[in-house]
N, C-alpha and C. Protein backbone atom coordinates (compact mmCIF):
# COMPACT_ATOMS: atom_id res chain seq x y z
N UNK A 1 56.25 32.62 40.45
CA UNK A 1 55.95 33.12 39.12
C UNK A 1 57.27 33.30 38.36
N UNK A 2 57.30 32.81 37.16
CA UNK A 2 58.54 32.88 36.38
C UNK A 2 58.52 34.03 35.38
N UNK A 3 57.55 34.94 35.45
CA UNK A 3 57.44 36.02 34.47
C UNK A 3 58.61 36.99 34.56
N UNK A 4 59.25 37.08 35.72
CA UNK A 4 60.32 38.06 35.86
C UNK A 4 61.70 37.49 35.57
N UNK A 5 61.78 36.27 35.08
CA UNK A 5 63.07 35.70 34.71
C UNK A 5 63.69 36.53 33.60
N UNK A 6 64.97 36.72 33.65
CA UNK A 6 65.66 37.51 32.63
C UNK A 6 65.39 39.00 32.81
N UNK A 7 65.05 39.42 34.02
CA UNK A 7 64.77 40.83 34.32
C UNK A 7 63.62 41.41 33.51
N UNK A 8 62.67 40.58 33.10
CA UNK A 8 61.50 41.06 32.37
C UNK A 8 60.36 41.23 33.37
N UNK A 9 60.26 42.42 33.96
CA UNK A 9 59.23 42.69 34.95
C UNK A 9 57.98 43.31 34.34
N UNK A 10 57.98 43.52 33.03
CA UNK A 10 56.85 44.15 32.36
C UNK A 10 55.52 43.44 32.62
N UNK A 11 55.44 42.10 32.57
CA UNK A 11 54.16 41.44 32.84
C UNK A 11 53.64 41.67 34.25
N UNK A 12 54.51 42.01 35.17
CA UNK A 12 54.08 42.24 36.55
C UNK A 12 53.49 43.63 36.75
N UNK A 13 53.71 44.54 35.83
CA UNK A 13 53.21 45.91 35.97
C UNK A 13 51.75 46.06 35.58
N UNK A 14 51.29 45.28 34.64
CA UNK A 14 49.94 45.42 34.09
C UNK A 14 48.84 45.46 35.16
N UNK A 15 48.81 44.53 36.10
CA UNK A 15 47.71 44.57 37.07
C UNK A 15 47.68 45.85 37.91
N UNK A 16 48.84 46.46 38.12
CA UNK A 16 48.90 47.65 38.96
C UNK A 16 48.56 48.94 38.22
N UNK A 17 48.84 48.98 36.92
CA UNK A 17 48.64 50.22 36.17
C UNK A 17 47.43 50.19 35.26
N UNK A 18 46.82 49.04 35.05
CA UNK A 18 45.66 48.94 34.15
C UNK A 18 44.54 49.90 34.57
N UNK A 19 44.25 49.97 35.86
CA UNK A 19 43.15 50.82 36.32
C UNK A 19 43.49 52.31 36.23
N UNK A 20 44.77 52.64 36.09
CA UNK A 20 45.20 54.04 36.01
C UNK A 20 45.57 54.46 34.59
N UNK A 21 45.30 53.60 33.63
CA UNK A 21 45.72 53.85 32.25
C UNK A 21 45.20 55.18 31.72
N UNK A 22 43.93 55.43 31.88
CA UNK A 22 43.33 56.66 31.37
C UNK A 22 43.96 57.89 32.02
N UNK A 23 44.15 57.85 33.32
CA UNK A 23 44.76 58.99 34.03
C UNK A 23 46.19 59.23 33.57
N UNK A 24 46.95 58.16 33.33
CA UNK A 24 48.33 58.31 32.88
C UNK A 24 48.38 58.92 31.48
N UNK A 25 47.46 58.51 30.60
CA UNK A 25 47.42 59.11 29.27
C UNK A 25 47.01 60.58 29.35
N UNK A 26 46.05 60.90 30.20
CA UNK A 26 45.63 62.29 30.37
C UNK A 26 46.79 63.14 30.87
N UNK A 27 47.57 62.61 31.80
CA UNK A 27 48.73 63.33 32.31
C UNK A 27 49.75 63.58 31.21
N UNK A 28 50.09 62.53 30.46
CA UNK A 28 51.10 62.66 29.40
C UNK A 28 50.64 63.63 28.32
N UNK A 29 49.35 63.65 28.02
CA UNK A 29 48.86 64.56 26.99
C UNK A 29 48.73 66.00 27.47
N UNK A 30 48.69 66.21 28.78
CA UNK A 30 48.51 67.57 29.29
C UNK A 30 49.83 68.27 29.61
N UNK A 31 50.94 67.55 29.63
CA UNK A 31 52.23 68.20 29.89
C UNK A 31 53.02 68.31 28.59
N UNK A 32 53.85 69.31 28.53
CA UNK A 32 54.66 69.55 27.34
C UNK A 32 56.05 68.96 27.58
N UNK A 33 56.33 67.84 26.97
CA UNK A 33 57.63 67.20 27.13
C UNK A 33 58.62 67.76 26.13
N UNK A 34 59.85 67.99 26.59
CA UNK A 34 60.91 68.48 25.73
C UNK A 34 62.17 67.68 26.01
N UNK A 35 62.93 67.43 24.98
CA UNK A 35 64.19 66.74 25.13
C UNK A 35 65.26 67.74 25.55
N UNK A 36 66.16 67.30 26.43
CA UNK A 36 67.25 68.17 26.87
C UNK A 36 68.46 68.07 25.95
N UNK A 37 68.38 67.16 24.97
CA UNK A 37 69.47 67.02 23.99
C UNK A 37 68.86 66.60 22.65
N UNK A 38 69.70 66.20 21.72
CA UNK A 38 69.21 65.86 20.38
C UNK A 38 68.54 64.49 20.32
N UNK A 39 68.65 63.70 21.35
CA UNK A 39 68.06 62.36 21.37
C UNK A 39 66.56 62.45 21.60
N UNK A 40 65.78 62.02 20.61
CA UNK A 40 64.32 62.07 20.69
C UNK A 40 63.71 60.72 21.06
N UNK A 41 64.49 59.76 21.48
CA UNK A 41 63.96 58.41 21.67
C UNK A 41 62.84 58.36 22.71
N UNK A 42 62.96 59.08 23.80
CA UNK A 42 61.90 59.07 24.83
C UNK A 42 60.66 59.78 24.30
N UNK A 43 60.86 60.91 23.63
CA UNK A 43 59.71 61.63 23.06
C UNK A 43 59.00 60.77 22.01
N UNK A 44 59.78 60.07 21.19
CA UNK A 44 59.18 59.18 20.19
C UNK A 44 58.43 58.03 20.86
N UNK A 45 58.97 57.50 21.94
CA UNK A 45 58.29 56.42 22.66
C UNK A 45 56.96 56.91 23.24
N UNK A 46 56.94 58.13 23.76
CA UNK A 46 55.70 58.70 24.30
C UNK A 46 54.70 58.92 23.17
N UNK A 47 55.16 59.42 22.03
CA UNK A 47 54.27 59.60 20.87
C UNK A 47 53.69 58.26 20.42
N UNK A 48 54.53 57.24 20.41
CA UNK A 48 54.08 55.90 20.03
C UNK A 48 52.97 55.44 20.99
N UNK A 49 53.18 55.61 22.28
CA UNK A 49 52.18 55.20 23.26
C UNK A 49 50.90 56.01 23.12
N UNK A 50 51.03 57.32 22.91
CA UNK A 50 49.84 58.15 22.76
C UNK A 50 49.04 57.74 21.53
N UNK A 51 49.71 57.35 20.46
CA UNK A 51 49.02 56.91 19.25
C UNK A 51 48.29 55.59 19.47
N UNK A 52 48.73 54.83 20.45
CA UNK A 52 48.10 53.53 20.76
C UNK A 52 47.05 53.63 21.86
N UNK A 53 46.74 54.83 22.30
CA UNK A 53 45.84 55.03 23.44
C UNK A 53 44.53 54.25 23.32
N UNK A 54 43.92 54.26 22.16
CA UNK A 54 42.62 53.61 22.00
C UNK A 54 42.72 52.17 21.53
N UNK A 55 43.91 51.64 21.42
CA UNK A 55 44.08 50.25 20.98
C UNK A 55 43.54 49.30 22.05
N UNK A 56 42.78 48.35 21.62
CA UNK A 56 42.21 47.37 22.56
C UNK A 56 42.59 45.94 22.18
N UNK A 57 43.41 45.81 21.16
CA UNK A 57 43.82 44.48 20.70
C UNK A 57 44.86 43.91 21.67
N UNK A 58 45.04 42.62 21.63
CA UNK A 58 46.03 41.97 22.48
C UNK A 58 47.44 42.43 22.12
N UNK A 59 47.66 42.74 20.84
CA UNK A 59 48.96 43.19 20.37
C UNK A 59 48.79 44.44 19.53
N UNK A 60 49.77 45.31 19.56
CA UNK A 60 49.73 46.52 18.74
C UNK A 60 50.83 46.42 17.69
N UNK A 61 50.69 47.23 16.66
CA UNK A 61 51.65 47.24 15.57
C UNK A 61 53.02 47.70 16.07
N UNK A 62 54.06 47.11 15.53
CA UNK A 62 55.41 47.52 15.89
C UNK A 62 55.76 48.86 15.26
N UNK A 63 55.10 49.22 14.16
CA UNK A 63 55.35 50.48 13.47
C UNK A 63 54.04 51.23 13.27
N UNK A 64 54.10 52.52 13.55
CA UNK A 64 52.94 53.38 13.30
C UNK A 64 53.43 54.70 12.73
N UNK A 65 52.55 55.39 12.01
CA UNK A 65 52.88 56.69 11.46
C UNK A 65 52.05 57.74 12.19
N UNK A 66 52.72 58.76 12.70
CA UNK A 66 52.05 59.83 13.44
C UNK A 66 52.45 61.16 12.86
N UNK A 67 51.67 62.18 13.17
CA UNK A 67 51.99 63.53 12.74
C UNK A 67 52.75 64.21 13.87
N UNK A 68 53.91 64.76 13.57
CA UNK A 68 54.70 65.48 14.57
C UNK A 68 54.91 66.91 14.12
N UNK A 69 54.94 67.80 15.10
CA UNK A 69 55.16 69.21 14.80
C UNK A 69 56.64 69.54 15.02
N UNK A 70 57.22 70.19 14.04
CA UNK A 70 58.62 70.61 14.12
C UNK A 70 58.70 71.93 14.88
N UNK A 71 59.89 72.28 15.36
CA UNK A 71 60.05 73.55 16.09
C UNK A 71 59.63 74.77 15.28
N UNK A 72 59.71 74.68 13.96
CA UNK A 72 59.32 75.83 13.13
C UNK A 72 57.82 75.90 12.89
N UNK A 73 57.06 74.97 13.48
CA UNK A 73 55.60 75.00 13.36
C UNK A 73 55.04 74.14 12.26
N UNK A 74 55.88 73.63 11.38
CA UNK A 74 55.39 72.76 10.31
C UNK A 74 55.14 71.36 10.87
N UNK A 75 54.31 70.62 10.18
CA UNK A 75 54.04 69.24 10.61
C UNK A 75 54.53 68.28 9.54
N UNK A 76 54.87 67.09 9.99
CA UNK A 76 55.34 66.05 9.08
C UNK A 76 54.87 64.71 9.59
N UNK A 77 54.66 63.79 8.68
CA UNK A 77 54.31 62.43 9.06
C UNK A 77 55.60 61.67 9.36
N UNK A 78 55.66 61.04 10.53
CA UNK A 78 56.86 60.33 10.96
C UNK A 78 56.46 58.92 11.35
N UNK A 79 57.25 57.94 10.93
CA UNK A 79 57.00 56.55 11.30
C UNK A 79 57.80 56.22 12.55
N UNK A 80 57.10 55.74 13.57
CA UNK A 80 57.73 55.33 14.82
C UNK A 80 57.66 53.82 14.93
N UNK A 81 58.63 53.24 15.59
CA UNK A 81 58.59 51.80 15.78
C UNK A 81 58.99 51.45 17.20
N UNK A 82 58.45 50.35 17.68
CA UNK A 82 58.77 49.86 19.02
C UNK A 82 59.85 48.81 18.89
N UNK A 83 60.83 48.88 19.76
CA UNK A 83 61.90 47.89 19.79
C UNK A 83 61.43 46.73 20.66
N UNK A 84 60.76 45.78 20.03
CA UNK A 84 60.17 44.65 20.76
C UNK A 84 61.23 43.87 21.51
N UNK A 85 62.41 43.73 20.93
CA UNK A 85 63.48 42.97 21.58
C UNK A 85 63.89 43.59 22.91
N UNK A 86 63.71 44.90 23.06
CA UNK A 86 64.08 45.56 24.29
C UNK A 86 63.11 45.25 25.43
N UNK A 87 61.90 44.82 25.10
CA UNK A 87 60.89 44.59 26.12
C UNK A 87 60.57 43.13 26.38
N UNK A 88 60.80 42.28 25.43
CA UNK A 88 60.38 40.89 25.60
C UNK A 88 61.39 39.94 24.97
N UNK A 89 61.60 38.85 25.63
CA UNK A 89 62.48 37.83 25.06
C UNK A 89 61.78 37.19 23.87
N UNK A 90 62.51 36.46 23.06
CA UNK A 90 61.93 35.81 21.89
C UNK A 90 60.77 34.90 22.23
N UNK A 91 60.81 34.27 23.40
CA UNK A 91 59.74 33.36 23.80
C UNK A 91 58.46 34.11 24.14
N UNK A 92 58.55 35.40 24.50
CA UNK A 92 57.37 36.16 24.91
C UNK A 92 56.83 37.06 23.80
N UNK A 93 57.48 37.11 22.66
CA UNK A 93 57.03 37.97 21.57
C UNK A 93 55.91 37.29 20.79
N UNK A 94 55.02 38.13 20.27
CA UNK A 94 53.95 37.67 19.39
C UNK A 94 53.06 36.61 20.00
N UNK A 95 52.83 36.72 21.30
CA UNK A 95 51.83 35.88 21.93
C UNK A 95 52.27 34.47 22.27
N UNK A 96 53.55 34.21 22.22
CA UNK A 96 54.01 32.88 22.62
C UNK A 96 53.71 32.69 24.09
N UNK A 97 53.34 31.51 24.50
CA UNK A 97 53.02 31.30 25.91
C UNK A 97 54.26 31.51 26.78
N UNK A 98 54.01 31.94 27.99
CA UNK A 98 55.10 32.16 28.95
C UNK A 98 55.73 30.83 29.32
N UNK A 99 57.05 30.80 29.45
CA UNK A 99 57.70 29.55 29.85
C UNK A 99 57.36 29.21 31.29
N UNK A 100 57.33 27.93 31.57
CA UNK A 100 57.14 27.47 32.95
C UNK A 100 55.73 27.27 33.27
């Protein structure tokens, strides 16, 4: 299988985690995640995934707007985006067939 060429192991994970998807979302929604520093990138990635929980399309939007709560209790609409380049090579983005 050539899916892992270029250290892209993401396509190999789907068969193992698909059946546990609901449980993983339930876990992430039931724990309170906090950043240990000012970098919110992991928290934003989790928010992005949680917002896509009910998505059933082959592809999801690269940008979504979610409501986030600030430490002072106020809420604000925040746009999150996925860095597609970090997860897939140009050949695998937007449904291009896998090489090989």
